[in-house]
Amino acid sequence: MDEKPCCEAEALRRIRQVDVGGIVVGISMLDHILAEVREMELPDEKETGRELLKRLKIYNYIPASAEEKYRIALLQEYQKYKGG
């Protein structure tokens, strides 16, 4: 599993583009977050979405008005990551 970035510059190198509600945004540390949440084996989609969003906010600014769109996009990325 990837380690946390040593500095801001390293975190910037770990940005991936994701469609969030029809707008492509750069998300830092997404692969790392997906791996961490997968290891947690959460019981359902609601808990998974909540945890993904919580962890994403550590590395990325998410406007409160866009949280639901991010949660949906994160769950889609999570499903792709899990291979399903």
N, C-alpha and C. Protein backbone atom coordinates (compact mmCIF):
# COMPACT_ATOMS: atom_id res chain seq x y z
N MET A 1 0.84 -1.18 0.00
CA MET A 1 0.00 0.00 0.00
C MET A 1 0.89 1.25 0.00
N ASP A 2 0.41 2.29 -0.69
CA ASP A 2 1.17 3.54 -0.74
C ASP A 2 1.28 4.15 0.65
N GLU A 3 2.39 4.83 0.87
CA GLU A 3 2.54 5.55 2.13
C GLU A 3 2.04 6.97 1.94
N LYS A 4 1.76 7.62 3.05
CA LYS A 4 1.31 9.01 2.98
C LYS A 4 2.43 9.87 2.40
N PRO A 5 2.06 10.93 1.70
CA PRO A 5 3.09 11.77 1.08
C PRO A 5 3.95 12.46 2.14
N CYS A 6 5.19 12.68 1.78
CA CYS A 6 6.10 13.32 2.73
C CYS A 6 5.87 14.83 2.79
N CYS A 7 5.31 15.37 1.70
CA CYS A 7 5.15 16.82 1.64
C CYS A 7 4.05 17.18 0.64
N GLU A 8 3.74 18.45 0.56
CA GLU A 8 2.71 18.93 -0.36
C GLU A 8 3.02 18.56 -1.80
N ALA A 9 4.27 18.71 -2.20
CA ALA A 9 4.67 18.41 -3.57
C ALA A 9 4.40 16.95 -3.92
N GLU A 10 4.67 16.05 -3.00
CA GLU A 10 4.41 14.63 -3.23
C GLU A 10 2.91 14.37 -3.34
N ALA A 11 2.12 15.02 -2.52
CA ALA A 11 0.66 14.87 -2.59
C ALA A 11 0.14 15.35 -3.94
N LEU A 12 0.70 16.43 -4.45
CA LEU A 12 0.28 16.96 -5.75
C LEU A 12 0.56 15.98 -6.88
N ARG A 13 1.60 15.20 -6.74
CA ARG A 13 1.92 14.21 -7.77
C ARG A 13 0.92 13.05 -7.76
N ARG A 14 0.14 12.95 -6.72
CA ARG A 14 -0.81 11.85 -6.59
C ARG A 14 -2.25 12.29 -6.88
N ILE A 15 -2.42 13.21 -7.78
CA ILE A 15 -3.75 13.72 -8.13
C ILE A 15 -4.31 12.92 -9.31
N ARG A 16 -5.59 12.58 -9.19
CA ARG A 16 -6.27 11.87 -10.26
C ARG A 16 -7.53 12.65 -10.62
N GLN A 17 -7.84 12.71 -11.91
CA GLN A 17 -9.03 13.42 -12.36
C GLN A 17 -10.25 12.53 -12.28
N VAL A 18 -11.34 13.10 -11.74
CA VAL A 18 -12.58 12.36 -11.55
C VAL A 18 -13.75 13.26 -11.94
N ASP A 19 -14.76 12.69 -12.59
CA ASP A 19 -15.98 13.41 -12.94
C ASP A 19 -16.86 13.49 -11.70
N VAL A 20 -17.08 14.70 -11.23
CA VAL A 20 -17.93 14.93 -10.06
C VAL A 20 -19.12 15.77 -10.52
N GLY A 21 -20.24 15.13 -10.70
CA GLY A 21 -21.45 15.84 -11.12
C GLY A 21 -21.30 16.55 -12.44
N GLY A 22 -20.56 15.97 -13.38
CA GLY A 22 -20.40 16.55 -14.71
C GLY A 22 -19.21 17.49 -14.84
N ILE A 23 -18.47 17.68 -13.76
CA ILE A 23 -17.28 18.53 -13.79
C ILE A 23 -16.08 17.67 -13.41
N VAL A 24 -15.05 17.72 -14.23
CA VAL A 24 -13.84 16.95 -13.94
C VAL A 24 -12.99 17.74 -12.96
N VAL A 25 -12.69 17.10 -11.82
CA VAL A 25 -11.88 17.75 -10.79
C VAL A 25 -10.67 16.88 -10.48
N GLY A 26 -9.63 17.51 -9.98
CA GLY A 26 -8.44 16.80 -9.56
C GLY A 26 -8.58 16.43 -8.09
N ILE A 27 -8.41 15.14 -7.79
CA ILE A 27 -8.53 14.66 -6.41
C ILE A 27 -7.19 14.09 -5.99
N SER A 28 -6.67 14.62 -4.91
CA SER A 28 -5.39 14.17 -4.37
C SER A 28 -5.58 12.96 -3.48
N MET A 29 -4.68 12.00 -3.61
CA MET A 29 -4.60 10.82 -2.73
C MET A 29 -5.78 9.86 -2.87
N LEU A 30 -6.49 9.88 -3.99
CA LEU A 30 -7.67 9.05 -4.14
C LEU A 30 -7.34 7.55 -4.07
N ASP A 31 -6.31 7.11 -4.75
CA ASP A 31 -5.97 5.68 -4.73
C ASP A 31 -5.64 5.22 -3.31
N HIS A 32 -4.94 6.05 -2.59
CA HIS A 32 -4.59 5.73 -1.20
C HIS A 32 -5.86 5.61 -0.34
N ILE A 33 -6.78 6.54 -0.52
CA ILE A 33 -8.03 6.55 0.23
C ILE A 33 -8.87 5.32 -0.11
N LEU A 34 -8.97 4.99 -1.39
CA LEU A 34 -9.74 3.82 -1.81
C LEU A 34 -9.18 2.55 -1.17
N ALA A 35 -7.87 2.44 -1.15
CA ALA A 35 -7.22 1.25 -0.56
C ALA A 35 -7.50 1.18 0.94
N GLU A 36 -7.40 2.32 1.63
CA GLU A 36 -7.66 2.33 3.08
C GLU A 36 -9.09 1.90 3.40
N VAL A 37 -10.04 2.44 2.65
CA VAL A 37 -11.44 2.15 2.92
C VAL A 37 -11.76 0.69 2.56
N ARG A 38 -11.16 0.20 1.51
CA ARG A 38 -11.38 -1.21 1.14
C ARG A 38 -10.94 -2.14 2.27
N GLU A 39 -9.82 -1.82 2.89
CA GLU A 39 -9.32 -2.63 4.01
C GLU A 39 -10.27 -2.65 5.20
N MET A 40 -11.10 -1.62 5.32
CA MET A 40 -12.03 -1.52 6.45
C MET A 40 -13.21 -2.48 6.33
N GLU A 41 -13.50 -2.93 5.12
CA GLU A 41 -14.61 -3.85 4.85
C GLU A 41 -15.91 -3.37 5.51
N LEU A 42 -16.31 -2.17 5.17
CA LEU A 42 -17.51 -1.57 5.75
C LEU A 42 -18.76 -2.31 5.28
N PRO A 43 -19.81 -2.32 6.11
CA PRO A 43 -20.98 -3.17 5.85
C PRO A 43 -21.88 -2.74 4.69
N ASP A 44 -21.93 -1.45 4.38
CA ASP A 44 -22.85 -1.03 3.32
C ASP A 44 -22.35 0.22 2.60
N GLU A 45 -23.09 0.56 1.54
CA GLU A 45 -22.70 1.69 0.70
C GLU A 45 -22.77 3.02 1.45
N LYS A 46 -23.74 3.16 2.33
CA LYS A 46 -23.88 4.41 3.08
C LYS A 46 -22.65 4.67 3.94
N GLU A 47 -22.22 3.66 4.68
CA GLU A 47 -21.02 3.80 5.52
C GLU A 47 -19.77 4.02 4.67
N THR A 48 -19.70 3.31 3.57
CA THR A 48 -18.54 3.44 2.67
C THR A 48 -18.46 4.85 2.12
N GLY A 49 -19.58 5.38 1.65
CA GLY A 49 -19.60 6.73 1.10
C GLY A 49 -19.22 7.77 2.14
N ARG A 50 -19.71 7.58 3.35
CA ARG A 50 -19.40 8.51 4.44
C ARG A 50 -17.89 8.49 4.75
N GLU A 51 -17.32 7.30 4.81
CA GLU A 51 -15.90 7.17 5.13
C GLU A 51 -15.01 7.71 4.01
N LEU A 52 -15.39 7.43 2.76
CA LEU A 52 -14.62 7.96 1.63
C LEU A 52 -14.59 9.49 1.67
N LEU A 53 -15.75 10.09 1.88
CA LEU A 53 -15.83 11.55 1.93
C LEU A 53 -15.02 12.12 3.09
N LYS A 54 -15.13 11.48 4.24
CA LYS A 54 -14.39 11.94 5.43
C LYS A 54 -12.89 11.94 5.16
N ARG A 55 -12.39 10.86 4.57
CA ARG A 55 -10.96 10.75 4.31
C ARG A 55 -10.52 11.69 3.17
N LEU A 56 -11.39 11.87 2.19
CA LEU A 56 -11.05 12.75 1.08
C LEU A 56 -10.84 14.19 1.56
N LYS A 57 -11.62 14.59 2.55
CA LYS A 57 -11.53 15.95 3.08
C LYS A 57 -10.19 16.22 3.77
N ILE A 58 -9.48 15.18 4.14
CA ILE A 58 -8.17 15.37 4.76
C ILE A 58 -7.19 15.99 3.76
N TYR A 59 -7.28 15.57 2.50
CA TYR A 59 -6.32 15.99 1.48
C TYR A 59 -6.89 16.98 0.46
N ASN A 60 -8.21 17.16 0.45
CA ASN A 60 -8.86 17.96 -0.59
C ASN A 60 -9.92 18.88 0.02
N TYR A 61 -10.09 20.05 -0.59
CA TYR A 61 -11.18 20.95 -0.20
C TYR A 61 -12.44 20.50 -0.93
N ILE A 62 -13.51 20.32 -0.19
CA ILE A 62 -14.80 19.96 -0.77
C ILE A 62 -15.85 20.94 -0.25
N PRO A 63 -16.43 21.75 -1.14
CA PRO A 63 -17.47 22.68 -0.69
C PRO A 63 -18.66 21.89 -0.12
N ALA A 64 -19.24 22.38 0.94
CA ALA A 64 -20.38 21.71 1.58
C ALA A 64 -21.51 21.48 0.57
N SER A 65 -21.71 22.42 -0.32
CA SER A 65 -22.79 22.31 -1.30
C SER A 65 -22.55 21.19 -2.32
N ALA A 66 -21.32 20.70 -2.43
CA ALA A 66 -20.99 19.67 -3.41
C ALA A 66 -20.73 18.30 -2.78
N GLU A 67 -20.90 18.19 -1.47
CA GLU A 67 -20.56 16.93 -0.79
C GLU A 67 -21.30 15.72 -1.35
N GLU A 68 -22.58 15.87 -1.64
CA GLU A 68 -23.35 14.74 -2.15
C GLU A 68 -22.84 14.30 -3.53
N LYS A 69 -22.49 15.24 -4.37
CA LYS A 69 -21.95 14.90 -5.69
C LYS A 69 -20.61 14.19 -5.56
N TYR A 70 -19.80 14.64 -4.63
CA TYR A 70 -18.51 13.98 -4.38
C TYR A 70 -18.73 12.57 -3.85
N ARG A 71 -19.69 12.41 -2.92
CA ARG A 71 -19.95 11.10 -2.35
C ARG A 71 -20.35 10.11 -3.44
N ILE A 72 -21.22 10.54 -4.35
CA ILE A 72 -21.66 9.68 -5.45
C ILE A 72 -20.48 9.32 -6.35
N ALA A 73 -19.68 10.31 -6.70
CA ALA A 73 -18.52 10.07 -7.56
C ALA A 73 -17.51 9.15 -6.88
N LEU A 74 -17.31 9.34 -5.58
CA LEU A 74 -16.39 8.49 -4.84
C LEU A 74 -16.86 7.04 -4.80
N LEU A 75 -18.15 6.84 -4.62
CA LEU A 75 -18.68 5.48 -4.61
C LEU A 75 -18.50 4.82 -5.97
N GLN A 76 -18.67 5.59 -7.04
CA GLN A 76 -18.44 5.05 -8.39
C GLN A 76 -16.98 4.66 -8.57
N GLU A 77 -16.07 5.51 -8.12
CA GLU A 77 -14.64 5.20 -8.22
C GLU A 77 -14.30 3.99 -7.34
N TYR A 78 -14.94 3.88 -6.20
CA TYR A 78 -14.70 2.76 -5.30
C TYR A 78 -15.12 1.44 -5.96
N GLN A 79 -16.28 1.46 -6.62
CA GLN A 79 -16.75 0.25 -7.30
C GLN A 79 -15.78 -0.16 -8.41
N LYS A 80 -15.28 0.82 -9.16
CA LYS A 80 -14.29 0.53 -10.21
C LYS A 80 -13.01 -0.06 -9.58
N TYR A 81 -12.59 0.53 -8.48
CA TYR A 81 -11.38 0.10 -7.79
C TYR A 81 -11.51 -1.35 -7.31
N LYS A 82 -12.68 -1.68 -6.78
CA LYS A 82 -12.92 -3.03 -6.28
C LYS A 82 -13.11 -4.03 -7.42
N GLY A 83 -13.31 -3.50 -8.63
CA GLY A 83 -13.49 -4.38 -9.77
C GLY A 83 -14.93 -4.83 -9.96
N GLY A 84 -15.84 -3.99 -9.52
CA GLY A 84 -17.23 -4.40 -9.66
C GLY A 84 -18.10 -3.26 -9.94
